[in-house]
Amino acid sequence: MTNLPDEASAARVARAVLEARVAACVNRLAPCQSEYWWQGKLEQAQEWPLLIKTTQGQYAALEAVIRAEHPYDVPELIAWPLAAGLPAYLGWVRAEASGAATQS
């Protein structure tokens, strides 16, 4: 998961991770209001969350793409362990997040 400062950058990052084939799917969620500490000050901003579906084996490659494309100095990028899932869906994620970049 990562958050972006605007809809355009959310679309750009989503497209970049998909074209790099380091994710099978990206959900661009509705904007949310974030409140956080930054450089000693309490801040708030509207952000666009991305929920990214990938594999543990693709995490490092996903991180590299996000670090290259994300406009923040310190982008949020967090991953949760997966307890369970529909086997067919998880197989699809593994197959599609292959790391073999596509042309579009």
C-alpha atoms as a PDB file:
ATOM      1  CA  MET A   1       0.000   0.000   0.000  1.00  0.00           C
ATOM      2  CA  THR A   2       1.107   3.517  -0.712  1.00  0.00           C
ATOM      3  CA  ASN A   3      -0.505   6.964  -0.672  1.00  0.00           C
ATOM      4  CA  LEU A   4      -0.062   9.663  -3.317  1.00  0.00           C
ATOM      5  CA  PRO A   5      -0.654  13.428  -3.114  1.00  0.00           C
ATOM      6  CA  ASP A   6      -2.989  13.660  -6.120  1.00  0.00           C
ATOM      7  CA  GLU A   7      -4.987  11.621  -8.586  1.00  0.00           C
ATOM      8  CA  ALA A   8      -2.522  12.120 -11.454  1.00  0.00           C
ATOM      9  CA  SER A   9       0.459  10.789  -9.505  1.00  0.00           C
ATOM     10  CA  ALA A  10      -1.656   7.879  -8.224  1.00  0.00           C
ATOM     11  CA  ALA A  11      -2.535   6.968 -11.817  1.00  0.00           C
ATOM     12  CA  ARG A  12       1.099   7.315 -12.913  1.00  0.00           C
ATOM     13  CA  VAL A  13       2.473   5.114 -10.111  1.00  0.00           C
ATOM     14  CA  ALA A  14      -0.262   2.507 -10.617  1.00  0.00           C
ATOM     15  CA  ARG A  15       0.527   2.303 -14.319  1.00  0.00           C
ATOM     16  CA  ALA A  16       4.298   2.114 -13.686  1.00  0.00           C
ATOM     17  CA  VAL A  17       4.078  -0.864 -11.318  1.00  0.00           C
ATOM     18  CA  LEU A  18       1.711  -2.678 -13.676  1.00  0.00           C
ATOM     19  CA  GLU A  19       3.841  -2.044 -16.760  1.00  0.00           C
ATOM     20  CA  ALA A  20       6.924  -3.280 -14.859  1.00  0.00           C
ATOM     21  CA  ARG A  21       4.913  -6.448 -14.026  1.00  0.00           C
ATOM     22  CA  VAL A  22       5.842  -6.165 -10.341  1.00  0.00           C
ATOM     23  CA  ALA A  23       2.139  -6.203  -9.433  1.00  0.00           C
ATOM     24  CA  ALA A  24      -0.870  -8.061 -10.786  1.00  0.00           C
ATOM     25  CA  CYS A  25      -3.439  -5.444  -9.798  1.00  0.00           C
ATOM     26  CA  VAL A  26      -3.632  -1.960  -8.311  1.00  0.00           C
ATOM     27  CA  ASN A  27      -6.794  -0.583  -6.731  1.00  0.00           C
ATOM     28  CA  ARG A  28      -6.895   3.212  -6.810  1.00  0.00           C
ATOM     29  CA  LEU A  29      -9.031   3.987  -3.796  1.00  0.00           C
ATOM     30  CA  ALA A  30     -11.083   7.084  -3.034  1.00  0.00           C
ATOM     31  CA  PRO A  31      -9.148  10.030  -1.631  1.00  0.00           C
ATOM     32  CA  CYS A  32      -8.747  10.120   2.118  1.00  0.00           C
ATOM     33  CA  GLN A  33      -7.722  12.704   4.678  1.00  0.00           C
ATOM     34  CA  SER A  34      -4.325  11.889   6.214  1.00  0.00           C
ATOM     35  CA  GLU A  35      -2.958  13.427   9.388  1.00  0.00           C
ATOM     36  CA  TYR A  36       0.690  12.866  10.254  1.00  0.00           C
ATOM     37  CA  TRP A  37       3.879  14.257  11.723  1.00  0.00           C
ATOM     38  CA  TRP A  38       6.403  15.576   9.185  1.00  0.00           C
ATOM     39  CA  GLN A  39       9.638  17.350  10.093  1.00  0.00           C
ATOM     40  CA  GLY A  40       8.403  18.173  13.592  1.00  0.00           C
ATOM     41  CA  LYS A  41       5.034  19.578  12.512  1.00  0.00           C
ATOM     42  CA  LEU A  42       1.580  18.068  12.569  1.00  0.00           C
ATOM     43  CA  GLU A  43       0.311  18.071   8.978  1.00  0.00           C
ATOM     44  CA  GLN A  44      -2.827  17.052   7.141  1.00  0.00           C
ATOM     45  CA  ALA A  45      -3.410  16.407   3.470  1.00  0.00           C
ATOM     46  CA  GLN A  46      -5.755  14.698   1.083  1.00  0.00           C
ATOM     47  CA  GLU A  47      -4.127  11.580  -0.364  1.00  0.00           C
ATOM     48  CA  TRP A  48      -5.006   8.892  -2.904  1.00  0.00           C
ATOM     49  CA  PRO A  49      -4.320   5.350  -1.608  1.00  0.00           C
ATOM     50  CA  LEU A  50      -3.136   2.539  -3.850  1.00  0.00           C
ATOM     51  CA  LEU A  51      -3.739  -1.050  -2.784  1.00  0.00           C
ATOM     52  CA  ILE A  52      -1.183  -3.082  -4.719  1.00  0.00           C
ATOM     53  CA  LYS A  53      -1.377  -6.866  -5.201  1.00  0.00           C
ATOM     54  CA  THR A  54       1.996  -8.564  -5.602  1.00  0.00           C
ATOM     55  CA  THR A  55       4.082 -11.411  -4.214  1.00  0.00           C
ATOM     56  CA  GLN A  56       6.688 -11.438  -1.481  1.00  0.00           C
ATOM     57  CA  GLY A  57       9.274 -12.277  -4.122  1.00  0.00           C
ATOM     58  CA  GLN A  58       8.433  -9.122  -6.090  1.00  0.00           C
ATOM     59  CA  TYR A  59       8.502  -6.747  -3.103  1.00  0.00           C
ATOM     60  CA  ALA A  60      12.053  -5.432  -3.730  1.00  0.00           C
ATOM     61  CA  ALA A  61      11.307  -4.769  -7.408  1.00  0.00           C
ATOM     62  CA  LEU A  62       7.995  -3.105  -6.484  1.00  0.00           C
ATOM     63  CA  GLU A  63       9.791  -0.908  -3.959  1.00  0.00           C
ATOM     64  CA  ALA A  64      12.338   0.150  -6.590  1.00  0.00           C
ATOM     65  CA  VAL A  65       9.606   1.207  -9.031  1.00  0.00           C
ATOM     66  CA  ILE A  66       7.696   3.119  -6.365  1.00  0.00           C
ATOM     67  CA  ARG A  67      10.828   4.891  -5.099  1.00  0.00           C
ATOM     68  CA  ALA A  68      11.620   5.952  -8.677  1.00  0.00           C
ATOM     69  CA  GLU A  69       8.077   7.166  -9.481  1.00  0.00           C
ATOM     70  CA  HIS A  70       6.756   8.499  -6.148  1.00  0.00           C
ATOM     71  CA  PRO A  71       6.865  12.278  -5.602  1.00  0.00           C
ATOM     72  CA  TYR A  72       7.360  12.080  -1.805  1.00  0.00           C
ATOM     73  CA  ASP A  73      10.838  12.144  -0.219  1.00  0.00           C
ATOM     74  CA  VAL A  74       9.785   9.294   2.083  1.00  0.00           C
ATOM     75  CA  PRO A  75       6.879   7.463   0.458  1.00  0.00           C
ATOM     76  CA  GLU A  76       4.674   5.214   2.513  1.00  0.00           C
ATOM     77  CA  LEU A  77       5.114   1.682   1.266  1.00  0.00           C
ATOM     78  CA  ILE A  78       3.903  -1.070   3.544  1.00  0.00           C
ATOM     79  CA  ALA A  79       3.188  -4.752   3.054  1.00  0.00           C
ATOM     80  CA  TRP A  80       1.100  -7.108   5.157  1.00  0.00           C
ATOM     81  CA  PRO A  81       1.535 -10.859   5.421  1.00  0.00           C
ATOM     82  CA  LEU A  82      -1.248 -12.764   3.714  1.00  0.00           C
ATOM     83  CA  ALA A  83      -2.982 -15.300   5.951  1.00  0.00           C
ATOM     84  CA  ALA A  84      -5.172 -16.907   3.285  1.00  0.00           C
ATOM     85  CA  GLY A  85      -6.805 -16.331  -0.067  1.00  0.00           C
ATOM     86  CA  LEU A  86      -8.679 -18.016  -2.873  1.00  0.00           C
ATOM     87  CA  PRO A  87      -6.053 -20.324  -4.428  1.00  0.00           C
ATOM     88  CA  ALA A  88      -7.050 -19.434  -7.990  1.00  0.00           C
ATOM     89  CA  TYR A  89      -6.748 -15.707  -7.233  1.00  0.00           C
ATOM     90  CA  LEU A  90      -3.357 -16.124  -5.550  1.00  0.00           C
ATOM     91  CA  GLY A  91      -2.165 -18.143  -8.538  1.00  0.00           C
ATOM     92  CA  TRP A  92      -3.301 -15.357 -10.834  1.00  0.00           C
ATOM     93  CA  VAL A  93      -1.340 -12.796  -8.772  1.00  0.00           C
ATOM     94  CA  ARG A  94       1.798 -14.975  -8.973  1.00  0.00           C
ATOM     95  CA  ALA A  95       1.415 -15.406 -12.727  1.00  0.00           C
ATOM     96  CA  GLU A  96       0.730 -11.756 -13.510  1.00  0.00           C
ATOM     97  CA  ALA A  97       3.325 -10.234 -11.169  1.00  0.00           C
ATOM     98  CA  SER A  98       6.009 -12.043 -13.124  1.00  0.00           C
ATOM     99  CA  GLY A  99       8.519  -9.224 -13.410  1.00  0.00           C
ATOM    100  CA  ALA A 100       8.557  -9.486 -17.215  1.00  0.00           C
ATOM    101  CA  ALA A 101       7.945  -5.857 -18.225  1.00  0.00           C
ATOM    102  CA  THR A 102       5.446  -5.224 -21.008  1.00  0.00           C
ATOM    103  CA  GLN A 103       5.258  -2.641 -23.757  1.00  0.00           C
ATOM    104  CA  SER A 104       2.159  -0.476 -23.972  1.00  0.00           C
END
